[in-house]
């Protein structure tokens, strides 16, 4: 992984970040994902315990915003 320090605001845009991420190899992307996971678990160890999510019912309810 090669690192470069850039100091312009144009390098902080979302598009610039997408371009940077797209330029990484799959292994580099997985390394970054692993680092974010480790950071999240270090900040909140309960993330390892799993989720209490339950499956949704067979039907899916579609909601629409009423027009005013």
PDB file of N, CA and C in Angstrom:
ATOM      1  N   UNK A   1       0.858  -1.165   0.000  1.00  0.00           N
ATOM      2  CA  UNK A   1       0.000   0.000   0.000  1.00  0.00           C
ATOM      3  C   UNK A   1       0.904   1.228   0.000  1.00  0.00           C
ATOM      4  N   UNK A   2       0.719   2.116  -0.930  1.00  0.00           N
ATOM      5  CA  UNK A   2       1.525   3.333  -0.933  1.00  0.00           C
ATOM      6  C   UNK A   2       0.687   4.481  -0.386  1.00  0.00           C
ATOM      7  N   UNK A   3       1.307   5.290   0.446  1.00  0.00           N
ATOM      8  CA  UNK A   3       0.604   6.395   1.083  1.00  0.00           C
ATOM      9  C   UNK A   3       1.174   7.709   0.581  1.00  0.00           C
ATOM     10  N   UNK A   4       0.306   8.679   0.448  1.00  0.00           N
ATOM     11  CA  UNK A   4       0.718   9.995  -0.004  1.00  0.00           C
ATOM     12  C   UNK A   4      -0.053  11.027   0.810  1.00  0.00           C
ATOM     13  N   UNK A   5       0.616  12.050   1.259  1.00  0.00           N
ATOM     14  CA  UNK A   5      -0.019  13.106   2.031  1.00  0.00           C
ATOM     15  C   UNK A   5      -0.356  14.256   1.092  1.00  0.00           C
ATOM     16  N   UNK A   6      -1.639  14.590   1.029  1.00  0.00           N
ATOM     17  CA  UNK A   6      -2.105  15.698   0.197  1.00  0.00           C
ATOM     18  C   UNK A   6      -2.761  16.723   1.108  1.00  0.00           C
ATOM     19  N   UNK A   7      -2.613  17.999   0.778  1.00  0.00           N
ATOM     20  CA  UNK A   7      -3.069  19.041   1.690  1.00  0.00           C
ATOM     21  C   UNK A   7      -4.172  19.925   1.141  1.00  0.00           C
ATOM     22  N   UNK A   8      -4.714  19.645  -0.026  1.00  0.00           N
ATOM     23  CA  UNK A   8      -5.746  20.503  -0.592  1.00  0.00           C
ATOM     24  C   UNK A   8      -7.144  20.020  -0.252  1.00  0.00           C
ATOM     25  N   UNK A   9      -8.079  20.967  -0.172  1.00  0.00           N
ATOM     26  CA  UNK A   9      -9.472  20.593   0.115  1.00  0.00           C
ATOM     27  C   UNK A   9     -10.074  19.763  -1.010  1.00  0.00           C
ATOM     28  N   UNK A  10      -9.561  19.906  -2.235  1.00  0.00           N
ATOM     29  CA  UNK A  10     -10.099  19.126  -3.353  1.00  0.00           C
ATOM     30  C   UNK A  10      -9.857  17.635  -3.159  1.00  0.00           C
ATOM     31  N   UNK A  11      -8.905  17.289  -2.303  1.00  0.00           N
ATOM     32  CA  UNK A  11      -8.616  15.886  -2.025  1.00  0.00           C
ATOM     33  C   UNK A  11      -9.488  15.343  -0.899  1.00  0.00           C
ATOM     34  N   UNK A  12     -10.324  16.178  -0.322  1.00  0.00           N
ATOM     35  CA  UNK A  12     -11.208  15.758   0.759  1.00  0.00           C
ATOM     36  C   UNK A  12     -12.638  15.532   0.286  1.00  0.00           C
ATOM     37  N   UNK A  13     -12.918  15.743  -0.981  1.00  0.00           N
ATOM     38  CA  UNK A  13     -14.281  15.573  -1.475  1.00  0.00           C
ATOM     39  C   UNK A  13     -14.652  14.084  -1.470  1.00  0.00           C
ATOM     40  N   UNK A  14     -15.933  13.817  -1.483  1.00  0.00           N
ATOM     41  CA  UNK A  14     -16.404  12.431  -1.494  1.00  0.00           C
ATOM     42  C   UNK A  14     -15.951  11.724  -2.770  1.00  0.00           C
ATOM     43  N   UNK A  15     -15.973  12.445  -3.894  1.00  0.00           N
ATOM     44  CA  UNK A  15     -15.544  11.854  -5.158  1.00  0.00           C
ATOM     45  C   UNK A  15     -14.063  11.471  -5.109  1.00  0.00           C
ATOM     46  N   UNK A  16     -13.237  12.319  -4.496  1.00  0.00           N
ATOM     47  CA  UNK A  16     -11.809  12.018  -4.372  1.00  0.00           C
ATOM     48  C   UNK A  16     -11.597  10.783  -3.500  1.00  0.00           C
ATOM     49  N   UNK A  17     -12.404  10.640  -2.468  1.00  0.00           N
ATOM     50  CA  UNK A  17     -12.294   9.467  -1.603  1.00  0.00           C
ATOM     51  C   UNK A  17     -12.733   8.204  -2.343  1.00  0.00           C
ATOM     52  N   UNK A  18     -13.795   8.317  -3.170  1.00  0.00           N
ATOM     53  CA  UNK A  18     -14.222   7.177  -3.988  1.00  0.00           C
ATOM     54  C   UNK A  18     -13.111   6.768  -4.944  1.00  0.00           C
ATOM     55  N   UNK A  19     -12.497   7.752  -5.596  1.00  0.00           N
ATOM     56  CA  UNK A  19     -11.410   7.457  -6.535  1.00  0.00           C
ATOM     57  C   UNK A  19     -10.247   6.778  -5.829  1.00  0.00           C
ATOM     58  N   UNK A  20      -9.904   7.271  -4.641  1.00  0.00           N
ATOM     59  CA  UNK A  20      -8.816   6.664  -3.877  1.00  0.00           C
ATOM     60  C   UNK A  20      -9.135   5.220  -3.530  1.00  0.00           C
ATOM     61  N   UNK A  21     -10.357   4.979  -3.031  1.00  0.00           N
ATOM     62  CA  UNK A  21     -10.747   3.632  -2.628  1.00  0.00           C
ATOM     63  C   UNK A  21     -10.802   2.702  -3.828  1.00  0.00           C
ATOM     64  N   UNK A  22     -11.305   3.197  -4.964  1.00  0.00           N
ATOM     65  CA  UNK A  22     -11.385   2.377  -6.172  1.00  0.00           C
ATOM     66  C   UNK A  22      -9.998   2.002  -6.677  1.00  0.00           C
ATOM     67  N   UNK A  23      -8.986   2.808  -6.362  1.00  0.00           N
ATOM     68  CA  UNK A  23      -7.630   2.519  -6.802  1.00  0.00           C
ATOM     69  C   UNK A  23      -6.927   1.466  -5.967  1.00  0.00           C
ATOM     70  N   UNK A  24      -7.544   1.034  -4.882  1.00  0.00           N
ATOM     71  CA  UNK A  24      -6.934   0.022  -4.023  1.00  0.00           C
ATOM     72  C   UNK A  24      -7.192  -1.375  -4.567  1.00  0.00           C
ATOM     73  N   UNK A  25      -6.285  -2.297  -4.258  1.00  0.00           N
ATOM     74  CA  UNK A  25      -6.512  -3.700  -4.624  1.00  0.00           C
ATOM     75  C   UNK A  25      -7.549  -4.290  -3.667  1.00  0.00           C
ATOM     76  N   UNK A  26      -8.042  -5.461  -4.005  1.00  0.00           N
ATOM     77  CA  UNK A  26      -9.024  -6.142  -3.146  1.00  0.00           C
ATOM     78  C   UNK A  26      -8.424  -6.402  -1.763  1.00  0.00           C
ATOM     79  N   UNK A  27      -7.174  -6.832  -1.715  1.00  0.00           N
ATOM     80  CA  UNK A  27      -6.542  -7.099  -0.419  1.00  0.00           C
ATOM     81  C   UNK A  27      -6.405  -5.830   0.406  1.00  0.00           C
ATOM     82  N   UNK A  28      -6.081  -4.717  -0.231  1.00  0.00           N
ATOM     83  CA  UNK A  28      -5.980  -3.453   0.490  1.00  0.00           C
ATOM     84  C   UNK A  28      -7.343  -3.018   1.023  1.00  0.00           C
ATOM     85  N   UNK A  29      -8.382  -3.223   0.228  1.00  0.00           N
ATOM     86  CA  UNK A  29      -9.743  -2.878   0.677  1.00  0.00           C
ATOM     87  C   UNK A  29     -10.139  -3.731   1.875  1.00  0.00           C
ATOM     88  N   UNK A  30      -9.837  -5.026   1.819  1.00  0.00           N
ATOM     89  CA  UNK A  30     -10.166  -5.913   2.935  1.00  0.00           C
ATOM     90  C   UNK A  30      -9.367  -5.541   4.182  1.00  0.00           C
ATOM     91  N   UNK A  31      -8.136  -5.126   4.013  1.00  0.00           N
ATOM     92  CA  UNK A  31      -7.325  -4.683   5.143  1.00  0.00           C
ATOM     93  C   UNK A  31      -7.970  -3.475   5.812  1.00  0.00           C
ATOM     94  N   UNK A  32      -8.427  -2.519   5.029  1.00  0.00           N
ATOM     95  CA  UNK A  32      -9.086  -1.325   5.583  1.00  0.00           C
ATOM     96  C   UNK A  32     -10.382  -1.714   6.292  1.00  0.00           C
ATOM     97  N   UNK A  33     -11.166  -2.602   5.691  1.00  0.00           N
ATOM     98  CA  UNK A  33     -12.397  -3.080   6.325  1.00  0.00           C
ATOM     99  C   UNK A  33     -12.082  -3.740   7.665  1.00  0.00           C
ATOM    100  N   UNK A  34     -11.028  -4.549   7.696  1.00  0.00           N
ATOM    101  CA  UNK A  34     -10.628  -5.206   8.942  1.00  0.00           C
ATOM    102  C   UNK A  34     -10.225  -4.183   9.995  1.00  0.00           C
ATOM    103  N   UNK A  35      -9.512  -3.146   9.596  1.00  0.00           N
ATOM    104  CA  UNK A  35      -9.108  -2.103  10.544  1.00  0.00           C
ATOM    105  C   UNK A  35     -10.326  -1.366  11.107  1.00  0.00           C
ATOM    106  N   UNK A  36     -11.306  -1.058  10.258  1.00  0.00           N
ATOM    107  CA  UNK A  36     -12.534  -0.407  10.744  1.00  0.00           C
ATOM    108  C   UNK A  36     -13.289  -1.323  11.700  1.00  0.00           C
ATOM    109  N   UNK A  37     -13.336  -2.618  11.385  1.00  0.00           N
ATOM    110  CA  UNK A  37     -14.011  -3.574  12.270  1.00  0.00           C
ATOM    111  C   UNK A  37     -13.322  -3.615  13.635  1.00  0.00           C
ATOM    112  N   UNK A  38     -11.991  -3.703  13.634  1.00  0.00           N
ATOM    113  CA  UNK A  38     -11.247  -3.742  14.894  1.00  0.00           C
ATOM    114  C   UNK A  38     -11.466  -2.466  15.703  1.00  0.00           C
ATOM    115  N   UNK A  39     -11.510  -1.318  15.026  1.00  0.00           N
ATOM    116  CA  UNK A  39     -11.765  -0.056  15.711  1.00  0.00           C
ATOM    117  C   UNK A  39     -13.160  -0.053  16.335  1.00  0.00           C
ATOM    118  N   UNK A  40     -14.153  -0.513  15.578  1.00  0.00           N
ATOM    119  CA  UNK A  40     -15.524  -0.532  16.085  1.00  0.00           C
ATOM    120  C   UNK A  40     -15.649  -1.455  17.293  1.00  0.00           C
ATOM    121  N   UNK A  41     -15.021  -2.625  17.242  1.00  0.00           N
ATOM    122  CA  UNK A  41     -15.083  -3.571  18.362  1.00  0.00           C
ATOM    123  C   UNK A  41     -14.310  -3.035  19.565  1.00  0.00           C
ATOM    124  N   UNK A  42     -13.209  -2.339  19.317  1.00  0.00           N
ATOM    125  CA  UNK A  42     -12.453  -1.758  20.430  1.00  0.00           C
ATOM    126  C   UNK A  42     -13.279  -0.687  21.136  1.00  0.00           C
ATOM    127  N   UNK A  43     -14.075   0.043  20.378  1.00  0.00           N
ATOM    128  CA  UNK A  43     -14.901   1.095  20.971  1.00  0.00           C
ATOM    129  C   UNK A  43     -16.160   0.540  21.608  1.00  0.00           C
ATOM    130  N   UNK A  44     -16.662  -0.601  21.092  1.00  0.00           N
ATOM    131  CA  UNK A  44     -17.893  -1.193  21.607  1.00  0.00           C
ATOM    132  C   UNK A  44     -17.767  -2.718  21.557  1.00  0.00           C
ATOM    133  N   UNK A  45     -17.205  -3.347  22.583  1.00  0.00           N
ATOM    134  CA  UNK A  45     -16.999  -4.801  22.579  1.00  0.00           C
ATOM    135  C   UNK A  45     -18.291  -5.613  22.460  1.00  0.00           C
ATOM    136  N   UNK A  46     -19.426  -5.013  22.776  1.00  0.00           N
ATOM    137  CA  UNK A  46     -20.695  -5.751  22.680  1.00  0.00           C
ATOM    138  C   UNK A  46     -21.065  -6.090  21.238  1.00  0.00           C
ATOM    139  N   UNK A  47     -20.391  -5.489  20.269  1.00  0.00           N
ATOM    140  CA  UNK A  47     -20.667  -5.810  18.865  1.00  0.00           C
ATOM    141  C   UNK A  47     -20.382  -7.274  18.557  1.00  0.00           C
ATOM    142  N   UNK A  48     -19.479  -7.872  19.306  1.00  0.00           N
ATOM    143  CA  UNK A  48     -19.138  -9.285  19.075  1.00  0.00           C
ATOM    144  C   UNK A  48     -20.223 -10.226  19.561  1.00  0.00           C
ATOM    145  N   UNK A  49     -21.100  -9.764  20.422  1.00  0.00           N
ATOM    146  CA  UNK A  49     -22.124 -10.626  21.012  1.00  0.00           C
ATOM    147  C   UNK A  49     -23.215 -11.006  20.025  1.00  0.00           C
ATOM    148  N   UNK A  50     -23.324 -10.325  18.926  1.00  0.00           N
ATOM    149  CA  UNK A  50     -24.351 -10.641  17.958  1.00  0.00           C
ATOM    150  C   UNK A  50     -25.494  -9.660  18.031  1.00  0.00           C
ATOM    151  N   UNK A  51     -26.518  -9.984  17.314  1.00  0.00           N
ATOM    152  CA  UNK A  51     -27.650  -9.079  17.188  1.00  0.00           C
ATOM    153  C   UNK A  51     -28.912  -9.738  17.723  1.00  0.00           C
ATOM    154  N   UNK A  52     -29.828  -8.934  18.192  1.00  0.00           N
ATOM    155  CA  UNK A  52     -31.123  -9.456  18.620  1.00  0.00           C
ATOM    156  C   UNK A  52     -32.172  -9.218  17.544  1.00  0.00           C
ATOM    157  N   UNK A  53     -31.728  -9.074  16.314  1.00  0.00           N
ATOM    158  CA  UNK A  53     -32.654  -8.844  15.204  1.00  0.00           C
ATOM    159  C   UNK A  53     -33.501 -10.089  14.968  1.00  0.00           C
ATOM    160  N   UNK A  54     -34.723  -9.856  14.562  1.00  0.00           N
ATOM    161  CA  UNK A  54     -35.643 -10.951  14.273  1.00  0.00           C
ATOM    162  C   UNK A  54     -36.061 -10.869  12.804  1.00  0.00           C
ATOM    163  N   UNK A  55     -36.370 -11.987  12.181  1.00  0.00           N
ATOM    164  CA  UNK A  55     -36.812 -11.947  10.787  1.00  0.00           C
ATOM    165  C   UNK A  55     -38.127 -11.177  10.660  1.00  0.00           C
ATOM    166  N   UNK A  56     -38.296 -10.512   9.533  1.00  0.00           N
ATOM    167  CA  UNK A  56     -39.535  -9.780   9.294  1.00  0.00           C
ATOM    168  C   UNK A  56     -40.641 -10.753   8.936  1.00  0.00           C
ATOM    169  N   UNK A  57     -41.865 -10.305   9.084  1.00  0.00           N
ATOM    170  CA  UNK A  57     -43.018 -11.144   8.725  1.00  0.00           C
ATOM    171  C   UNK A  57     -42.988 -11.430   7.222  1.00  0.00           C
ATOM    172  N   UNK A  58     -43.794 -12.386   6.794  1.00  0.00           N
ATOM    173  CA  UNK A  58     -43.815 -12.794   5.390  1.00  0.00           C
ATOM    174  C   UNK A  58     -44.167 -11.630   4.461  1.00  0.00           C
ATOM    175  N   UNK A  59     -45.022 -10.743   4.913  1.00  0.00           N
ATOM    176  CA  UNK A  59     -45.426  -9.622   4.073  1.00  0.00           C
ATOM    177  C   UNK A  59     -44.534  -8.424   4.344  1.00  0.00           C
ATOM    178  N   UNK A  60     -44.284  -7.667   3.319  1.00  0.00           N
ATOM    179  CA  UNK A  60     -43.519  -6.445   3.452  1.00  0.00           C
ATOM    180  C   UNK A  60     -44.473  -5.277   3.272  1.00  0.00           C
ATOM    181  N   UNK A  61     -44.473  -4.383   4.217  1.00  0.00           N
ATOM    182  CA  UNK A  61     -45.377  -3.235   4.179  1.00  0.00           C
ATOM    183  C   UNK A  61     -44.667  -2.082   3.469  1.00  0.00           C
ATOM    184  N   UNK A  62     -45.293  -1.532   2.445  1.00  0.00           N
ATOM    185  CA  UNK A  62     -44.734  -0.398   1.700  1.00  0.00           C
ATOM    186  C   UNK A  62     -45.449   0.865   2.155  1.00  0.00           C
ATOM    187  N   UNK A  63     -44.677   1.815   2.633  1.00  0.00           N
ATOM    188  CA  UNK A  63     -45.229   3.072   3.122  1.00  0.00           C
ATOM    189  C   UNK A  63     -44.966   4.163   2.109  1.00  0.00           C
ATOM    190  N   UNK A  64     -45.921   5.043   1.943  1.00  0.00           N
ATOM    191  CA  UNK A  64     -45.763   6.170   1.038  1.00  0.00           C
ATOM    192  C   UNK A  64     -45.982   7.460   1.813  1.00  0.00           C
ATOM    193  N   UNK A  65     -45.190   8.459   1.494  1.00  0.00           N
ATOM    194  CA  UNK A  65     -45.312   9.762   2.114  1.00  0.00           C
ATOM    195  C   UNK A  65     -46.458  10.509   1.432  1.00  0.00           C
ATOM    196  N   UNK A  66     -47.425  10.973   2.240  1.00  0.00           N
ATOM    197  CA  UNK A  66     -48.551  11.689   1.652  1.00  0.00           C
ATOM    198  C   UNK A  66     -48.099  13.032   1.103  1.00  0.00           C
ATOM    199  N   UNK A  67     -48.689  13.445   0.008  1.00  0.00           N
ATOM    200  CA  UNK A  67     -48.343  14.725  -0.620  1.00  0.00           C
ATOM    201  C   UNK A  67     -49.103  15.827   0.077  1.00  0.00           C
ATOM    202  N   UNK A  68     -48.436  16.931   0.393  1.00  0.00           N
ATOM    203  CA  UNK A  68     -49.099  18.045   1.077  1.00  0.00           C
ATOM    204  C   UNK A  68     -49.318  19.176   0.123  1.00  0.00           C
TER     205      UNK A  68
END
